Every structure is written in structure tokens, then in C-alpha cells.
Amino acid sequence: MKFKLLQAIVLFAITYTLNSCSQDNQNYVPPSNLNAIDKNAAYTYSSSEIETMALINDYRVSVGLNPLKQNDYISLKAEEHNVQMITTNVVSHDGFVARSENIMSVLDAKKVAENIAYNYSTSQAALNAWLNSPTHKENLVGDFTHFGISIRLNAEGKKYYTNIFAKI
């Protein structure tokens, strides 16, 4: 009985991980205002966003890595993605190629990565989920210099997290 339960849990975890970090959807149409944000535009951070960035930097420092610098432009791109996920009610990395190319073009970034999370009630819970996923953890400890984050609530109060990393 315990073995069957363990098999079911492992199967669920694998299925969830594959679906939560799926490849970019080729049918995705980026918002028409993708390039409309001024690279010097300001982003107003919520206490949850500040806490999540601090937790990420605390973790990076604890494993001997540099802390990342927050970047408002990247946070605005993360916010755009959260709005898209909430509007379509689809949790995905759809549009990541367009977002990353935009960030590389506008900020002269060398590389970009993205973590998303859905329905974690605390910043620590979202970070723990990312750390427990090899692909998300790879982004957290990657060779990056900057990051941005957006945490938004849908109408039911469920949180959407988009965390984008860049090497500038």
C-alpha cells in the first residue's frame, strides 16, 4: 500500500514539474505592448516581492554566490507575464522567448531565465518549491547579476509568482 502511494506521489510530482516548466508555447502571441515599457520605468514593489527577493539573495549568499541586483524593467516584464497568466487562467512559461529576447535587447543582457510559481501562500513556500525543483534551482544559483519579480493575486486570491533572472 505504501509503495503504491509513493508511486502515485512520484508520478504526480513528475507530471506537475513537467507541466509547470513546459517549453514556450509556439502559439503564444505576445502582448502588443511588449516593447512599450521604458527601460527606466519605475516598479513599485510589494512587501511580498521585497521579501521574496531578500530570501533569494539570502540563499545565494549562503551558498557562496553574489546577491542579485533588482531591476525594475525586469520586474515590469514579470508583471506583464503574471497579468497574462491571470487573464488566460493558464500557469505557464508561454511567451518566455519573447520576454527574454526583449530583456536581452533592451538591457543588453547576455542571458535570461525564468521561474514561475502558483498558489503558494508565502514567499518562503514558493522559494522552497523552486529549491526542490532541479530546473528552478539551477536558475536560482545561475550565473546572473540582476533579477526582477512580480507577485499578483487573481480574483480568488491565489498568488502568481514570476521571477526573471538576467546576466547584464
N, C-alpha and C. Protein backbone atom coordinates (compact mmCIF):
# COMPACT_ATOMS: atom_id res chain seq x y z
N MET A 1 0.83 -1.20 0.00
CA MET A 1 0.00 0.00 0.00
C MET A 1 0.88 1.26 0.00
N LYS A 2 1.89 1.27 0.89
CA LYS A 2 2.76 2.44 0.97
C LYS A 2 3.52 2.64 -0.35
N PHE A 3 3.93 1.52 -0.97
CA PHE A 3 4.66 1.62 -2.23
C PHE A 3 3.79 2.21 -3.33
N LYS A 4 2.53 1.79 -3.41
CA LYS A 4 1.62 2.33 -4.42
C LYS A 4 1.37 3.82 -4.19
N LEU A 5 1.24 4.22 -2.93
CA LEU A 5 1.06 5.63 -2.61
C LEU A 5 2.29 6.42 -3.02
N LEU A 6 3.47 5.88 -2.73
CA LEU A 6 4.71 6.55 -3.10
C LEU A 6 4.82 6.67 -4.62
N GLN A 7 4.44 5.59 -5.35
CA GLN A 7 4.46 5.66 -6.81
C GLN A 7 3.53 6.76 -7.32
N ALA A 8 2.35 6.85 -6.74
CA ALA A 8 1.38 7.86 -7.17
C ALA A 8 1.91 9.26 -6.90
N ILE A 9 2.54 9.46 -5.75
CA ILE A 9 3.09 10.77 -5.40
C ILE A 9 4.22 11.15 -6.35
N VAL A 10 5.10 10.20 -6.63
CA VAL A 10 6.22 10.46 -7.55
C VAL A 10 5.69 10.78 -8.94
N LEU A 11 4.71 10.01 -9.41
CA LEU A 11 4.13 10.27 -10.73
C LEU A 11 3.50 11.65 -10.78
N PHE A 12 2.77 12.04 -9.74
CA PHE A 12 2.17 13.37 -9.68
C PHE A 12 3.25 14.44 -9.71
N ALA A 13 4.30 14.26 -8.91
CA ALA A 13 5.37 15.27 -8.84
C ALA A 13 6.05 15.43 -10.19
N ILE A 14 6.30 14.33 -10.89
CA ILE A 14 6.94 14.41 -12.20
C ILE A 14 6.02 15.10 -13.20
N THR A 15 4.76 14.72 -13.20
CA THR A 15 3.79 15.34 -14.11
C THR A 15 3.67 16.83 -13.84
N TYR A 16 3.58 17.21 -12.57
CA TYR A 16 3.45 18.63 -12.22
C TYR A 16 4.68 19.41 -12.65
N THR A 17 5.87 18.85 -12.39
CA THR A 17 7.11 19.53 -12.75
C THR A 17 7.21 19.73 -14.25
N LEU A 18 6.87 18.70 -15.01
CA LEU A 18 6.94 18.82 -16.47
C LEU A 18 5.94 19.85 -16.98
N ASN A 19 4.77 19.90 -16.39
CA ASN A 19 3.76 20.85 -16.85
C ASN A 19 4.04 22.26 -16.37
N SER A 20 4.62 22.42 -15.19
CA SER A 20 4.83 23.76 -14.68
C SER A 20 6.01 24.45 -15.34
N CYS A 21 6.87 23.71 -15.98
CA CYS A 21 8.04 24.29 -16.64
C CYS A 21 8.08 23.89 -18.10
N SER A 22 6.93 23.88 -18.71
CA SER A 22 6.84 23.47 -20.10
C SER A 22 7.58 24.45 -21.00
N GLN A 23 7.89 23.95 -22.18
CA GLN A 23 8.57 24.80 -23.15
C GLN A 23 7.65 25.93 -23.59
N ASP A 24 8.23 26.91 -24.19
CA ASP A 24 7.47 28.05 -24.68
C ASP A 24 6.43 27.58 -25.69
N ASN A 25 5.21 28.03 -25.53
CA ASN A 25 4.12 27.66 -26.42
C ASN A 25 4.31 28.39 -27.75
N GLN A 26 4.44 27.63 -28.82
CA GLN A 26 4.67 28.23 -30.13
C GLN A 26 3.47 29.03 -30.63
N ASN A 27 2.28 28.78 -30.06
CA ASN A 27 1.08 29.50 -30.48
C ASN A 27 0.87 30.79 -29.67
N TYR A 28 1.74 31.06 -28.74
CA TYR A 28 1.61 32.23 -27.89
C TYR A 28 1.80 33.50 -28.72
N VAL A 29 0.91 34.45 -28.53
CA VAL A 29 1.03 35.75 -29.18
C VAL A 29 1.37 36.76 -28.09
N PRO A 30 2.56 37.37 -28.14
CA PRO A 30 2.93 38.31 -27.08
C PRO A 30 2.04 39.53 -27.09
N PRO A 31 1.88 40.17 -25.94
CA PRO A 31 1.07 41.39 -25.90
C PRO A 31 1.63 42.41 -26.87
N SER A 32 0.76 43.23 -27.42
CA SER A 32 1.19 44.21 -28.42
C SER A 32 2.09 45.28 -27.83
N ASN A 33 2.05 45.44 -26.50
CA ASN A 33 2.87 46.48 -25.86
C ASN A 33 4.19 45.92 -25.34
N LEU A 34 4.66 44.78 -25.88
CA LEU A 34 5.85 44.12 -25.36
C LEU A 34 7.05 45.06 -25.28
N ASN A 35 7.21 45.93 -26.23
CA ASN A 35 8.36 46.83 -26.24
C ASN A 35 8.02 48.23 -25.73
N ALA A 36 6.82 48.41 -25.20
CA ALA A 36 6.34 49.74 -24.85
C ALA A 36 6.91 50.27 -23.54
N ILE A 37 7.43 49.41 -22.69
CA ILE A 37 7.92 49.86 -21.39
C ILE A 37 9.25 50.57 -21.55
N ASP A 38 9.36 51.72 -20.94
CA ASP A 38 10.62 52.46 -20.90
C ASP A 38 11.58 51.70 -20.00
N LYS A 39 12.81 51.50 -20.46
CA LYS A 39 13.75 50.72 -19.65
C LYS A 39 14.08 51.40 -18.33
N ASN A 40 13.75 52.68 -18.18
CA ASN A 40 13.99 53.39 -16.92
C ASN A 40 12.72 53.55 -16.09
N ALA A 41 11.64 52.89 -16.49
CA ALA A 41 10.37 53.00 -15.75
C ALA A 41 10.54 52.40 -14.35
N ALA A 42 9.85 52.98 -13.40
CA ALA A 42 9.94 52.52 -12.01
C ALA A 42 8.89 51.45 -11.75
N TYR A 43 9.24 50.54 -10.89
CA TYR A 43 8.33 49.48 -10.46
C TYR A 43 8.15 49.64 -8.95
N THR A 44 6.93 49.55 -8.48
CA THR A 44 6.66 49.66 -7.05
C THR A 44 6.52 48.25 -6.48
N TYR A 45 7.42 47.88 -5.59
CA TYR A 45 7.46 46.53 -5.03
C TYR A 45 6.55 46.40 -3.82
N SER A 46 5.83 45.28 -3.76
CA SER A 46 5.02 44.95 -2.59
C SER A 46 5.94 44.36 -1.52
N SER A 47 5.44 44.26 -0.31
CA SER A 47 6.24 43.67 0.76
C SER A 47 6.56 42.21 0.45
N SER A 48 5.64 41.48 -0.19
CA SER A 48 5.90 40.07 -0.57
C SER A 48 7.01 39.97 -1.61
N GLU A 49 7.03 40.90 -2.55
CA GLU A 49 8.08 40.88 -3.57
C GLU A 49 9.43 41.20 -2.96
N ILE A 50 9.48 42.17 -2.07
CA ILE A 50 10.73 42.52 -1.39
C ILE A 50 11.21 41.34 -0.56
N GLU A 51 10.28 40.69 0.14
CA GLU A 51 10.64 39.53 0.96
C GLU A 51 11.18 38.40 0.09
N THR A 52 10.55 38.14 -1.05
CA THR A 52 10.99 37.05 -1.92
C THR A 52 12.38 37.33 -2.48
N MET A 53 12.63 38.57 -2.90
CA MET A 53 13.96 38.92 -3.40
C MET A 53 15.02 38.76 -2.31
N ALA A 54 14.67 39.16 -1.09
CA ALA A 54 15.61 39.01 0.03
C ALA A 54 15.89 37.54 0.31
N LEU A 55 14.86 36.71 0.28
CA LEU A 55 15.05 35.27 0.50
C LEU A 55 15.94 34.66 -0.57
N ILE A 56 15.72 35.05 -1.82
CA ILE A 56 16.56 34.54 -2.91
C ILE A 56 18.00 34.97 -2.71
N ASN A 57 18.22 36.24 -2.41
CA ASN A 57 19.59 36.72 -2.20
C ASN A 57 20.22 36.09 -0.97
N ASP A 58 19.46 35.93 0.10
CA ASP A 58 19.99 35.26 1.30
C ASP A 58 20.44 33.85 0.96
N TYR A 59 19.64 33.14 0.18
CA TYR A 59 20.01 31.79 -0.21
C TYR A 59 21.29 31.82 -1.06
N ARG A 60 21.33 32.69 -2.05
CA ARG A 60 22.51 32.76 -2.92
C ARG A 60 23.77 33.05 -2.12
N VAL A 61 23.69 33.99 -1.20
CA VAL A 61 24.86 34.32 -0.38
C VAL A 61 25.25 33.13 0.50
N SER A 62 24.25 32.39 1.01
CA SER A 62 24.54 31.25 1.89
C SER A 62 25.28 30.13 1.18
N VAL A 63 25.17 30.08 -0.16
CA VAL A 63 25.90 29.06 -0.92
C VAL A 63 27.09 29.65 -1.66
N GLY A 64 27.52 30.86 -1.26
CA GLY A 64 28.74 31.46 -1.78
C GLY A 64 28.59 32.22 -3.09
N LEU A 65 27.37 32.59 -3.45
CA LEU A 65 27.14 33.32 -4.70
C LEU A 65 26.89 34.80 -4.43
N ASN A 66 27.01 35.59 -5.49
CA ASN A 66 26.75 37.02 -5.38
C ASN A 66 25.25 37.28 -5.21
N PRO A 67 24.88 38.30 -4.42
CA PRO A 67 23.47 38.70 -4.40
C PRO A 67 23.13 39.36 -5.73
N LEU A 68 21.88 39.26 -6.12
CA LEU A 68 21.43 39.85 -7.38
C LEU A 68 20.90 41.25 -7.14
N LYS A 69 21.06 42.12 -8.13
CA LYS A 69 20.53 43.48 -8.04
C LYS A 69 19.13 43.49 -8.64
N GLN A 70 18.21 44.13 -7.96
CA GLN A 70 16.85 44.22 -8.52
C GLN A 70 16.86 45.17 -9.69
N ASN A 71 16.00 44.86 -10.67
CA ASN A 71 15.89 45.68 -11.86
C ASN A 71 14.41 45.91 -12.13
N ASP A 72 14.01 47.15 -12.13
CA ASP A 72 12.59 47.50 -12.31
C ASP A 72 12.06 47.07 -13.67
N TYR A 73 12.85 47.21 -14.71
CA TYR A 73 12.39 46.82 -16.04
C TYR A 73 12.06 45.32 -16.07
N ILE A 74 12.94 44.51 -15.49
CA ILE A 74 12.71 43.07 -15.45
C ILE A 74 11.45 42.77 -14.63
N SER A 75 11.25 43.49 -13.53
CA SER A 75 10.04 43.29 -12.72
C SER A 75 8.79 43.65 -13.50
N LEU A 76 8.85 44.69 -14.32
CA LEU A 76 7.70 45.06 -15.15
C LEU A 76 7.39 43.97 -16.18
N LYS A 77 8.43 43.34 -16.74
CA LYS A 77 8.22 42.24 -17.67
C LYS A 77 7.63 41.04 -16.92
N ALA A 78 8.06 40.81 -15.69
CA ALA A 78 7.50 39.73 -14.87
C ALA A 78 6.03 40.01 -14.58
N GLU A 79 5.72 41.27 -14.29
CA GLU A 79 4.34 41.65 -14.03
C GLU A 79 3.46 41.42 -15.26
N GLU A 80 3.96 41.78 -16.44
CA GLU A 80 3.22 41.53 -17.68
C GLU A 80 2.87 40.05 -17.79
N HIS A 81 3.84 39.20 -17.45
CA HIS A 81 3.60 37.76 -17.57
C HIS A 81 2.55 37.30 -16.55
N ASN A 82 2.61 37.82 -15.33
CA ASN A 82 1.59 37.46 -14.34
C ASN A 82 0.20 37.88 -14.81
N VAL A 83 0.10 39.08 -15.36
CA VAL A 83 -1.20 39.55 -15.86
C VAL A 83 -1.69 38.61 -16.96
N GLN A 84 -0.79 38.19 -17.84
CA GLN A 84 -1.16 37.27 -18.92
C GLN A 84 -1.65 35.94 -18.34
N MET A 85 -0.93 35.39 -17.36
CA MET A 85 -1.34 34.11 -16.77
C MET A 85 -2.69 34.23 -16.07
N ILE A 86 -2.90 35.33 -15.36
CA ILE A 86 -4.17 35.53 -14.66
C ILE A 86 -5.31 35.70 -15.67
N THR A 87 -5.07 36.48 -16.71
CA THR A 87 -6.09 36.74 -17.73
C THR A 87 -6.50 35.46 -18.46
N THR A 88 -5.52 34.63 -18.80
CA THR A 88 -5.80 33.41 -19.55
C THR A 88 -6.10 32.22 -18.65
N ASN A 89 -5.85 32.39 -17.35
CA ASN A 89 -6.03 31.31 -16.37
C ASN A 89 -5.17 30.09 -16.74
N VAL A 90 -3.95 30.37 -17.24
CA VAL A 90 -3.01 29.33 -17.61
C VAL A 90 -1.67 29.65 -16.96
N VAL A 91 -1.19 28.73 -16.13
CA VAL A 91 0.12 28.88 -15.49
C VAL A 91 1.15 28.23 -16.40
N SER A 92 2.03 29.05 -16.98
CA SER A 92 2.99 28.53 -17.96
C SER A 92 4.12 29.53 -18.17
N HIS A 93 5.08 29.09 -18.95
CA HIS A 93 6.17 29.98 -19.39
C HIS A 93 5.90 30.53 -20.78
N ASP A 94 4.64 30.47 -21.23
CA ASP A 94 4.31 30.96 -22.57
C ASP A 94 4.83 32.39 -22.75
N GLY A 95 5.46 32.61 -23.87
CA GLY A 95 5.99 33.93 -24.17
C GLY A 95 7.37 34.18 -23.62
N PHE A 96 7.99 33.17 -23.00
CA PHE A 96 9.30 33.38 -22.40
C PHE A 96 10.34 33.79 -23.45
N VAL A 97 10.30 33.17 -24.61
CA VAL A 97 11.29 33.51 -25.64
C VAL A 97 11.19 35.00 -25.98
N ALA A 98 9.97 35.49 -26.17
CA ALA A 98 9.78 36.92 -26.50
C ALA A 98 10.24 37.80 -25.33
N ARG A 99 9.89 37.40 -24.08
CA ARG A 99 10.32 38.19 -22.91
C ARG A 99 11.83 38.23 -22.81
N SER A 100 12.46 37.07 -22.96
CA SER A 100 13.92 37.02 -22.80
C SER A 100 14.62 37.80 -23.91
N GLU A 101 14.13 37.66 -25.14
CA GLU A 101 14.74 38.43 -26.25
C GLU A 101 14.57 39.92 -26.02
N ASN A 102 13.41 40.33 -25.50
CA ASN A 102 13.18 41.74 -25.21
C ASN A 102 14.15 42.24 -24.15
N ILE A 103 14.30 41.48 -23.08
CA ILE A 103 15.21 41.88 -21.99
C ILE A 103 16.64 41.92 -22.48
N MET A 104 17.03 40.95 -23.30
CA MET A 104 18.40 40.96 -23.84
C MET A 104 18.61 42.17 -24.74
N SER A 105 17.62 42.52 -25.52
CA SER A 105 17.73 43.66 -26.43
C SER A 105 17.75 44.99 -25.68
N VAL A 106 16.79 45.17 -24.79
CA VAL A 106 16.64 46.46 -24.11
C VAL A 106 17.76 46.70 -23.08
N LEU A 107 18.12 45.65 -22.34
CA LEU A 107 19.10 45.81 -21.25
C LEU A 107 20.49 45.29 -21.62
N ASP A 108 20.65 44.81 -22.84
CA ASP A 108 21.91 44.24 -23.29
C ASP A 108 22.32 43.07 -22.40
N ALA A 109 21.34 42.26 -21.99
CA ALA A 109 21.61 41.09 -21.15
C ALA A 109 22.23 39.99 -21.99
N LYS A 110 23.08 39.22 -21.36
CA LYS A 110 23.74 38.10 -22.04
C LYS A 110 22.90 36.83 -22.00
N LYS A 111 22.14 36.66 -20.93
CA LYS A 111 21.25 35.50 -20.81
C LYS A 111 20.14 35.82 -19.83
N VAL A 112 19.04 35.07 -19.95
CA VAL A 112 17.84 35.31 -19.14
C VAL A 112 17.24 33.95 -18.78
N ALA A 113 16.70 33.85 -17.58
CA ALA A 113 15.99 32.64 -17.14
C ALA A 113 14.77 33.08 -16.35
N GLU A 114 13.85 32.15 -16.15
CA GLU A 114 12.58 32.49 -15.51
C GLU A 114 12.10 31.36 -14.61
N ASN A 115 11.61 31.72 -13.44
CA ASN A 115 10.91 30.80 -12.56
C ASN A 115 9.50 31.34 -12.36
N ILE A 116 8.53 30.43 -12.37
CA ILE A 116 7.17 30.82 -12.02
C ILE A 116 6.67 29.90 -10.92
N ALA A 117 5.69 30.36 -10.19
CA ALA A 117 5.05 29.54 -9.16
C ALA A 117 3.60 30.00 -9.06
N TYR A 118 2.77 29.11 -8.54
CA TYR A 118 1.35 29.42 -8.45
C TYR A 118 0.78 28.87 -7.15
N ASN A 119 0.02 29.70 -6.48
CA ASN A 119 -0.78 29.32 -5.32
C ASN A 119 0.04 28.96 -4.09
N TYR A 120 1.21 29.54 -3.92
CA TYR A 120 1.95 29.41 -2.67
C TYR A 120 1.59 30.61 -1.81
N SER A 121 1.23 30.35 -0.58
CA SER A 121 0.72 31.44 0.27
C SER A 121 1.82 32.33 0.81
N THR A 122 3.05 31.83 0.87
CA THR A 122 4.15 32.64 1.40
C THR A 122 5.33 32.64 0.44
N SER A 123 6.15 33.65 0.57
CA SER A 123 7.36 33.75 -0.24
C SER A 123 8.30 32.58 0.06
N GLN A 124 8.39 32.19 1.32
CA GLN A 124 9.25 31.07 1.70
C GLN A 124 8.77 29.77 1.06
N ALA A 125 7.47 29.56 1.01
CA ALA A 125 6.93 28.34 0.38
C ALA A 125 7.26 28.31 -1.11
N ALA A 126 7.14 29.44 -1.79
CA ALA A 126 7.49 29.50 -3.22
C ALA A 126 8.98 29.22 -3.41
N LEU A 127 9.82 29.84 -2.59
CA LEU A 127 11.26 29.60 -2.68
C LEU A 127 11.58 28.13 -2.43
N ASN A 128 10.97 27.54 -1.42
CA ASN A 128 11.21 26.12 -1.12
C ASN A 128 10.84 25.24 -2.31
N ALA A 129 9.73 25.56 -2.97
CA ALA A 129 9.32 24.78 -4.16
C ALA A 129 10.37 24.91 -5.26
N TRP A 130 10.86 26.12 -5.49
CA TRP A 130 11.89 26.32 -6.50
C TRP A 130 13.16 25.57 -6.15
N LEU A 131 13.54 25.59 -4.88
CA LEU A 131 14.76 24.90 -4.45
C LEU A 131 14.61 23.38 -4.57
N ASN A 132 13.40 22.88 -4.46
CA ASN A 132 13.16 21.43 -4.56
C ASN A 132 13.01 20.96 -6.00
N SER A 133 13.03 21.87 -6.95
CA SER A 133 12.94 21.54 -8.37
C SER A 133 14.31 21.79 -9.01
N PRO A 134 14.96 20.76 -9.54
CA PRO A 134 16.31 20.96 -10.11
C PRO A 134 16.38 22.07 -11.15
N THR A 135 15.40 22.18 -12.04
CA THR A 135 15.48 23.22 -13.08
C THR A 135 15.28 24.61 -12.51
N HIS A 136 14.38 24.74 -11.53
CA HIS A 136 14.19 26.06 -10.90
C HIS A 136 15.41 26.43 -10.05
N LYS A 137 15.95 25.45 -9.35
CA LYS A 137 17.13 25.71 -8.51
C LYS A 137 18.31 26.14 -9.38
N GLU A 138 18.44 25.52 -10.55
CA GLU A 138 19.51 25.90 -11.47
C GLU A 138 19.44 27.40 -11.80
N ASN A 139 18.23 27.91 -11.98
CA ASN A 139 18.07 29.35 -12.24
C ASN A 139 18.44 30.16 -11.01
N LEU A 140 18.02 29.69 -9.83
CA LEU A 140 18.30 30.43 -8.59
C LEU A 140 19.80 30.58 -8.33
N VAL A 141 20.57 29.56 -8.70
CA VAL A 141 22.01 29.59 -8.43
C VAL A 141 22.82 29.87 -9.70
N GLY A 142 22.15 30.28 -10.75
CA GLY A 142 22.81 30.53 -12.03
C GLY A 142 23.72 31.74 -12.01
N ASP A 143 24.47 31.87 -13.08
CA ASP A 143 25.42 32.97 -13.26
C ASP A 143 24.68 34.22 -13.75
N PHE A 144 23.98 34.84 -12.80
CA PHE A 144 23.19 36.03 -13.12
C PHE A 144 23.64 37.19 -12.25
N THR A 145 23.30 38.40 -12.68
CA THR A 145 23.67 39.61 -11.94
C THR A 145 22.46 40.40 -11.45
N HIS A 146 21.33 40.23 -12.14
CA HIS A 146 20.13 41.02 -11.86
C HIS A 146 18.90 40.12 -11.84
N PHE A 147 17.84 40.62 -11.23
CA PHE A 147 16.57 39.92 -11.26
C PHE A 147 15.43 40.87 -11.05
N GLY A 148 14.26 40.37 -11.42
CA GLY A 148 13.02 41.11 -11.19
C GLY A 148 11.97 40.12 -10.76
N ILE A 149 10.95 40.62 -10.10
CA ILE A 149 9.90 39.74 -9.61
C ILE A 149 8.56 40.45 -9.64
N SER A 150 7.53 39.66 -9.82
CA SER A 150 6.17 40.15 -9.68
C SER A 150 5.36 39.06 -8.98
N ILE A 151 4.58 39.48 -8.02
CA ILE A 151 3.64 38.57 -7.35
C ILE A 151 2.28 39.25 -7.43
N ARG A 152 1.33 38.58 -8.06
CA ARG A 152 0.00 39.13 -8.24
C ARG A 152 -1.05 38.12 -7.80
N LEU A 153 -2.18 38.63 -7.34
CA LEU A 153 -3.30 37.79 -6.92
C LEU A 153 -4.37 37.77 -8.01
N ASN A 154 -4.96 36.60 -8.21
CA ASN A 154 -6.11 36.53 -9.11
C ASN A 154 -7.37 36.86 -8.30
N ALA A 155 -8.53 36.78 -8.91
CA ALA A 155 -9.79 37.16 -8.26
C ALA A 155 -10.11 36.28 -7.05
N GLU A 156 -9.60 35.05 -7.05
CA GLU A 156 -9.84 34.14 -5.92
C GLU A 156 -8.78 34.28 -4.83
N GLY A 157 -7.82 35.19 -5.03
CA GLY A 157 -6.78 35.42 -4.02
C GLY A 157 -5.59 34.48 -4.11
N LYS A 158 -5.47 33.73 -5.22
CA LYS A 158 -4.33 32.84 -5.40
C LYS A 158 -3.18 33.63 -6.00
N LYS A 159 -1.97 33.35 -5.49
CA LYS A 159 -0.80 34.11 -5.90
C LYS A 159 -0.12 33.51 -7.13
N TYR A 160 0.27 34.40 -8.04
CA TYR A 160 1.08 34.06 -9.21
C TYR A 160 2.43 34.73 -9.01
N TYR A 161 3.49 33.95 -9.13
CA TYR A 161 4.85 34.46 -8.98
C TYR A 161 5.57 34.33 -10.32
N THR A 162 6.20 35.38 -10.77
CA THR A 162 7.12 35.31 -11.90
C THR A 162 8.41 35.99 -11.46
N ASN A 163 9.50 35.22 -11.55
CA ASN A 163 10.82 35.68 -11.14
C ASN A 163 11.73 35.52 -12.36
N ILE A 164 12.27 36.62 -12.85
CA ILE A 164 13.13 36.58 -14.04
C ILE A 164 14.55 36.99 -13.64
N PHE A 165 15.52 36.21 -14.13
CA PHE A 165 16.94 36.43 -13.85
C PHE A 165 17.63 36.88 -15.13
N ALA A 166 18.63 37.73 -15.00
CA ALA A 166 19.38 38.17 -16.18
C ALA A 166 20.85 38.39 -15.81
N LYS A 167 21.71 38.14 -16.77
CA LYS A 167 23.13 38.49 -16.63
C LYS A 167 23.35 39.71 -17.51
N ILE A 168 23.62 40.84 -16.86
CA ILE A 168 23.80 42.11 -17.59
C ILE A 168 25.25 42.56 -17.44
